[in-house]
Protein backbone atom coordinates (compact mmCIF):
# COMPACT_ATOMS: atom_id res chain seq x y z
CA UNK A 1 81.38 147.48 66.51
CA UNK A 2 80.59 150.30 68.88
CA UNK A 3 77.65 150.05 71.33
CA UNK A 4 75.53 152.95 69.94
CA UNK A 5 75.03 151.41 66.47
CA UNK A 6 74.09 148.05 67.98
CA UNK A 7 71.69 149.71 70.42
CA UNK A 8 69.97 151.67 67.67
CA UNK A 9 69.86 148.59 65.47
CA UNK A 10 68.23 146.45 68.15
CA UNK A 11 65.57 149.07 68.91
CA UNK A 12 64.76 149.72 65.25
CA UNK A 13 64.66 146.00 64.49
CA UNK A 14 62.33 145.20 67.36
CA UNK A 15 60.03 148.12 66.49
CA UNK A 16 59.99 147.34 62.78
CA UNK A 17 59.31 143.67 63.35
CA UNK A 18 56.54 144.43 65.79
CA UNK A 19 54.80 146.64 63.23
CA UNK A 20 55.20 144.05 60.49
CA UNK A 21 53.86 141.19 62.62
CA UNK A 22 50.96 143.27 63.95
CA UNK A 23 49.96 144.18 60.40
CA UNK A 24 49.99 140.59 59.19
CA UNK A 25 48.10 139.37 62.26
CA UNK A 26 45.48 142.10 61.82
CA UNK A 27 45.06 141.12 58.18
CA UNK A 28 44.88 137.43 59.09
CA UNK A 29 42.29 137.94 61.84
CA UNK A 30 40.13 140.30 59.77
CA UNK A 31 40.34 138.52 56.43
CA UNK A 32 40.98 134.91 57.43
CA UNK A 33 44.12 132.85 57.02
CA UNK A 34 45.16 132.57 53.40
CA UNK A 35 47.75 130.15 52.04
CA UNK A 36 50.13 132.88 50.93
CA UNK A 37 49.72 134.97 54.08
CA UNK A 38 50.60 132.26 56.56
CA UNK A 39 54.14 131.93 55.20
CA UNK A 40 54.73 135.68 55.50
CA UNK A 41 53.37 135.64 59.06
CA UNK A 42 55.71 132.75 59.82
CA UNK A 43 58.66 134.71 58.41
CA UNK A 44 57.73 137.73 60.54
CA UNK A 45 57.56 135.54 63.64
CA UNK A 46 60.96 134.04 62.84
CA UNK A 47 62.51 137.49 62.67
CA UNK A 48 60.62 138.68 65.73
CA UNK A 49 62.12 135.91 67.89
CA UNK A 50 65.56 137.51 67.80
CA UNK A 51 64.17 140.91 68.80
CA UNK A 52 62.23 139.57 71.80
CA UNK A 53 64.98 137.71 73.68
CA UNK A 54 68.52 137.71 72.19
CA UNK A 55 68.67 141.43 71.33
CA UNK A 56 67.80 142.60 74.87
CA UNK A 57 70.57 140.35 76.18
CA UNK A 58 72.93 141.88 73.63
CA UNK A 59 72.02 145.30 75.03
CA UNK A 60 72.71 144.00 78.53
CA UNK A 61 76.15 142.76 77.52
CA UNK A 62 76.87 146.15 75.94
CA UNK A 63 75.93 148.03 79.10
CA UNK A 64 78.00 145.65 81.28
CA UNK A 65 80.86 145.47 78.75
CA UNK A 66 80.65 141.68 78.80
CA UNK A 67 78.31 138.77 79.41
CA UNK A 68 76.95 138.82 82.97
CA UNK A 69 73.86 136.62 82.70
CA UNK A 70 75.40 133.19 83.04
CA UNK A 71 75.77 130.09 80.91
CA UNK A 72 72.08 129.17 80.64
CA UNK A 73 70.99 132.53 79.27
CA UNK A 74 73.91 132.43 76.85
CA UNK A 75 72.79 129.06 75.49
CA UNK A 76 69.14 130.11 75.26
CA UNK A 77 70.06 133.37 73.54
CA UNK A 78 72.32 131.62 71.03
CA UNK A 79 69.71 128.91 70.44
CA UNK A 80 66.91 131.41 69.76
CA UNK A 81 69.16 133.48 67.52
CA UNK A 82 69.86 130.32 65.52
CA UNK A 83 66.14 129.53 65.40
CA UNK A 84 65.48 133.02 64.07
CA UNK A 85 68.16 132.86 61.38
CA UNK A 86 67.43 129.31 60.20
CA UNK A 87 63.69 129.87 60.50
CA UNK A 88 64.00 132.96 58.33
CA UNK A 89 65.86 131.25 55.49
CA UNK A 90 63.58 128.20 55.64
CA UNK A 91 60.50 130.43 55.54
CA UNK A 92 61.96 132.44 52.66
CA UNK A 93 62.48 129.13 50.87
CA UNK A 94 58.89 128.13 51.63
CA UNK A 95 57.61 131.46 50.30
CA UNK A 96 59.63 131.05 47.10
CA UNK A 97 58.22 127.56 46.52
CA UNK A 98 54.73 128.88 47.25
CA UNK A 99 55.14 131.72 44.74
CA UNK A 100 56.60 129.32 42.19
CA UNK A 101 53.60 127.00 42.46
CA UNK A 102 51.13 129.90 42.46
CA UNK A 103 52.53 131.52 39.32
CA UNK A 104 54.08 128.65 37.35
CA UNK A 105 51.70 125.82 38.33
CA UNK A 106 48.48 127.70 38.99
CA UNK A 107 46.23 124.78 38.06
CA UNK A 108 47.68 122.65 40.86
CA UNK A 109 48.08 125.45 43.38
CA UNK A 110 44.66 125.24 45.04
CA UNK A 111 45.11 121.55 45.76
CA UNK A 112 48.71 121.85 46.96
CA UNK A 113 48.13 124.94 49.10
CA UNK A 114 44.82 124.50 50.79
CA UNK A 115 44.56 126.12 54.23
CA UNK A 116 45.18 122.78 55.93
CA UNK A 117 48.17 121.92 53.76
CA UNK A 118 49.67 125.39 54.22
CA UNK A 119 49.52 125.06 58.00
CA UNK A 120 51.20 121.65 57.71
CA UNK A 121 53.95 123.16 55.54
CA UNK A 122 54.61 125.90 58.09
CA UNK A 123 54.72 123.38 60.94
CA UNK A 124 57.18 121.33 58.89
CA UNK A 125 59.35 124.41 58.37
CA UNK A 126 59.52 125.03 62.11
CA UNK A 127 60.14 121.36 62.88
CA UNK A 128 63.08 121.35 60.45
CA UNK A 129 64.32 124.59 62.01
CA UNK A 130 64.41 123.08 65.50
CA UNK A 131 66.02 119.88 64.22
CA UNK A 132 68.66 121.95 62.44
CA UNK A 133 69.60 124.02 65.49
CA UNK A 134 69.55 121.30 68.19
CA UNK A 135 72.99 119.83 67.25
CA UNK A 136 74.58 123.12 68.35
CA UNK A 137 73.81 122.17 71.95
CA UNK A 138 75.87 118.99 71.62
CA UNK A 139 78.70 120.35 69.48
CA UNK A 140 79.31 123.22 71.90
CA UNK A 141 79.24 125.83 69.16
CA UNK A 142 77.06 128.35 71.02
CA UNK A 143 79.54 130.63 72.77
CA UNK A 144 79.86 134.26 73.79
CA UNK A 145 81.82 136.40 71.35
CA UNK A 146 82.97 139.70 72.90
CA UNK A 147 83.54 141.22 69.46
CA UNK A 148 79.79 141.29 68.78
CA UNK A 149 78.49 141.24 72.37
CA UNK A 150 76.48 138.10 71.57
CA UNK A 151 76.20 134.43 72.37
CA UNK A 152 76.30 133.08 68.86
CA UNK A 153 77.56 130.32 66.60
CA UNK A 154 81.29 129.74 67.01
CA UNK A 155 82.59 129.00 63.52
CA UNK A 156 85.80 127.30 64.66
CA UNK A 157 84.16 124.91 67.14
CA UNK A 158 83.84 122.11 64.56
CA UNK A 159 85.01 122.39 60.96
CA UNK A 160 82.78 119.58 59.66
CA UNK A 161 79.72 120.93 61.44
CA UNK A 162 80.36 124.49 60.23
CA UNK A 163 80.62 123.30 56.62
CA UNK A 164 77.36 121.36 57.01
CA UNK A 165 75.65 124.39 58.55
CA UNK A 166 76.72 126.73 55.76
CA UNK A 167 75.66 124.28 53.05
CA UNK A 168 72.31 123.07 54.41
CA UNK A 169 71.26 126.30 56.13
CA UNK A 170 72.40 128.82 53.51
CA UNK A 171 73.79 127.55 50.19
CA UNK A 172 71.15 124.87 49.52
CA UNK A 173 68.16 127.11 50.39
CA UNK A 174 69.66 129.91 48.30
CA UNK A 175 69.95 127.52 45.34
CA UNK A 176 66.32 126.43 45.72
CA UNK A 177 65.04 129.99 46.03
CA UNK A 178 67.16 131.13 43.08
CA UNK A 179 65.69 128.38 40.90
CA UNK A 180 62.12 129.25 41.90
CA UNK A 181 62.51 132.97 41.29
CA UNK A 182 64.42 132.43 38.06
CA UNK A 183 61.53 130.36 36.70
CA UNK A 184 59.08 133.01 37.84
CA UNK A 185 61.08 135.81 36.20
CA UNK A 186 61.16 133.84 32.94
CA UNK A 187 57.40 133.41 33.06
CA UNK A 188 56.83 137.09 33.93
CA UNK A 189 58.94 138.16 30.94
CA UNK A 190 57.11 135.74 28.65
CA UNK A 191 53.71 136.93 29.83
CA UNK A 192 54.66 140.58 29.40
CA UNK A 193 55.88 139.82 25.88
CA UNK A 194 52.72 137.78 25.26
CA UNK A 195 54.56 134.60 24.41
CA UNK A 196 51.98 131.83 23.96
CA UNK A 197 49.23 133.84 25.65
CA UNK A 198 46.67 131.07 25.30
CA UNK A 199 48.78 128.60 27.27
CA UNK A 200 50.14 130.96 29.92
CA UNK A 201 48.36 131.86 33.17
CA UNK A 202 47.17 135.42 33.50
CA UNK A 203 49.21 137.49 35.96
CA UNK A 204 47.67 140.50 37.62
CA UNK A 205 49.69 143.54 38.72
CA UNK A 206 48.94 142.42 42.30
CA UNK A 207 50.69 139.09 41.64
CA UNK A 208 53.72 140.84 40.17
CA UNK A 209 53.98 143.27 43.11
CA UNK A 210 53.83 140.44 45.64
CA UNK A 211 56.47 138.51 43.74
CA UNK A 212 58.78 141.52 43.49
CA UNK A 213 58.39 142.23 47.21
CA UNK A 214 59.35 138.71 48.28
CA UNK A 215 62.15 138.61 45.71
CA UNK A 216 63.65 141.77 47.23
CA UNK A 217 63.35 140.22 50.70
CA UNK A 218 65.27 137.19 49.45
CA UNK A 219 68.00 139.25 47.79
CA UNK A 220 68.52 141.35 50.91
CA UNK A 221 68.74 138.24 53.09
CA UNK A 222 71.30 136.66 50.76
CA UNK A 223 73.39 139.83 50.57
CA UNK A 224 73.32 140.45 54.33
CA UNK A 225 74.14 136.90 55.38
CA UNK A 226 76.53 135.86 52.59
CA UNK A 227 79.69 137.50 54.04
CA UNK A 228 79.30 135.85 57.45
CA UNK A 229 78.54 132.44 55.94
CA UNK A 230 81.44 132.53 53.51
CA UNK A 231 83.81 133.66 56.25
CA UNK A 232 82.61 130.71 58.31
CA UNK A 233 83.10 128.37 55.36
CA UNK A 234 86.64 129.62 54.80
CA UNK A 235 87.46 129.27 58.50
CA UNK A 236 86.08 125.74 58.57
CA UNK A 237 88.05 124.60 55.52
CA UNK A 238 91.42 125.81 56.80
CA UNK A 239 91.20 127.50 60.23
CA UNK A 240 94.95 127.64 60.85
CA UNK A 241 95.62 129.66 57.71
CA UNK A 242 92.37 131.63 57.34
CA UNK A 243 91.70 132.85 60.90
CA UNK A 244 94.83 135.07 61.09
CA UNK A 245 94.02 136.52 57.66
CA UNK A 246 90.54 137.77 58.60
CA UNK A 247 90.72 141.23 60.19
CA UNK A 248 88.48 141.83 63.15
CA UNK A 249 86.71 144.73 61.44
CA UNK A 250 85.65 142.44 58.57
CA UNK A 251 84.24 139.84 60.94
CA UNK A 252 82.38 142.47 62.96
CA UNK A 253 81.10 144.15 59.78
CA UNK A 254 79.73 140.82 58.52
CA UNK A 255 77.85 140.38 61.80
CA UNK A 256 76.58 143.95 61.57
CA UNK A 257 75.20 143.22 58.10
CA UNK A 258 73.51 140.06 59.38
CA UNK A 259 71.94 141.91 62.31
CA UNK A 260 70.85 144.70 59.99
CA UNK A 261 68.80 142.27 57.92
CA UNK A 262 66.24 142.14 60.74
CA UNK A 263 65.49 145.82 60.08
CA UNK A 264 65.18 145.62 56.32
CA UNK A 265 62.13 143.46 55.65
CA UNK A 266 59.75 145.82 57.41
CA UNK A 267 61.22 148.70 55.39
CA UNK A 268 60.83 146.74 52.14
CA UNK A 269 57.20 145.90 52.90
CA UNK A 270 56.51 149.54 53.73
CA UNK A 271 58.10 150.77 50.51
CA UNK A 272 56.51 148.24 48.14
CA UNK A 273 53.12 147.51 49.70
CA UNK A 274 50.47 150.14 50.25
CA UNK A 275 48.60 147.98 52.77
CA UNK A 276 51.69 147.77 54.95
CA UNK A 277 52.20 151.53 54.78
CA UNK A 278 48.63 152.07 55.94
CA UNK A 279 48.99 149.62 58.81
CA UNK A 280 52.36 151.07 59.83
CA UNK A 281 50.71 154.47 60.16
CA UNK A 282 47.97 152.91 62.27
CA UNK A 283 50.49 151.23 64.59
CA UNK A 284 52.48 154.46 64.96
CA UNK A 285 49.27 156.30 65.81
CA UNK A 286 48.44 153.58 68.35
CA UNK A 287 51.65 154.34 70.24
CA UNK A 288 50.35 157.87 70.82
CA UNK A 289 46.59 157.26 71.01
CA UNK A 290 45.86 153.58 71.78
CA UNK A 291 42.11 154.06 72.30
CA UNK A 292 41.73 155.63 68.84
CA UNK A 293 43.71 152.78 67.27
CA UNK A 294 41.49 150.05 68.69
CA UNK A 295 38.36 152.03 67.87
CA UNK A 296 39.52 152.49 64.27
CA UNK A 297 40.50 148.81 64.04
CA UNK A 298 37.02 147.74 65.15
CA UNK A 299 35.36 150.11 62.70
CA UNK A 300 37.66 148.96 59.92
CA UNK A 301 36.82 145.31 60.58
CA UNK A 302 33.09 146.07 60.48
CA UNK A 303 33.47 147.99 57.22
CA UNK A 304 35.40 145.11 55.66
CA UNK A 305 32.66 142.67 56.60
CA UNK A 306 30.00 144.97 55.17
CA UNK A 307 31.90 145.56 51.95
CA UNK A 308 32.93 141.93 51.48
CA UNK A 309 31.64 140.78 48.10
CA UNK A 310 29.30 137.84 47.87
CA UNK A 311 30.81 134.57 46.67
CA UNK A 312 31.04 134.30 42.93
CA UNK A 313 29.16 131.63 41.06
CA UNK A 314 32.38 130.32 39.56
CA UNK A 315 34.17 128.28 42.20
CA UNK A 316 37.59 128.65 40.57
CA UNK A 317 37.38 132.44 40.67
CA UNK A 318 36.41 132.39 44.34
CA UNK A 319 39.32 130.14 45.22
CA UNK A 320 41.79 132.36 43.37
CA UNK A 321 40.56 135.42 45.22
CA UNK A 322 40.95 133.68 48.58
CA UNK A 323 44.35 132.25 47.80
CA UNK A 324 45.86 135.51 46.64
CA UNK A 325 48.30 136.66 49.34
CA UNK A 326 48.57 140.16 50.72
């Protein structure tokens, strides 16, 4: 992989992730934390981690044509990159389960996903993420790879560990997410065809748009990370035979696809969600005129408070409005 594409990718990824996270944080601060929102914020933070620390070090290794920052920075960079990747797939899994409960088990959703429970779920996701990445420090699998200018997971360090990583950090979450979205798609089709309308929950266009957005995010993650994971699985099963058969361009291309995933979610949100498009424009304007951005943000917050509807008499309706994610 040549330095210019990586450089552009890192810059675009960092900028895109910053816009996405700022939008979600603005929405959260102005409108209050909602059960569905907190998982999306967590996913944005997971992807932002890699843009804050590892990507700048990748740029440094590109400019120096090699790693010049020492062993400690290499381990920290590889660790945080692992946290970002595993945190992303775990958060995508959490979002899929959340959407599955919201759409397919709506009567139980408010109890399962109260604000307190949602925060606990997110904390659990991050705890599992840290637990999942810590063994890398003892296995010695975080090493500098000159082909991708990164300190990253060395697939041939331990065959058993690599197989476990691919299964528990990719294949199993993909299976869970696939099941959740398959059930949701079945329900969406049944609702649109008005199958048993009296026994099926009502789905608004807003619900369908949110589901489609997160489904696209999942598909892109799976497509971008599948080549690298399956190459790692093949190497772990039979390294002596497989390693010579994998051309360097294929390995580098698989890493390029994985890196590129960090750019895609912000693009997907911008394409499929009008609120994101509006906030993206505001953030872009803020880069040119910061004082106007903060003034508009304050005015917008005041207008939202003024226009906020009074609580409805029906408690169930009020809860559904509050629990509906962005």
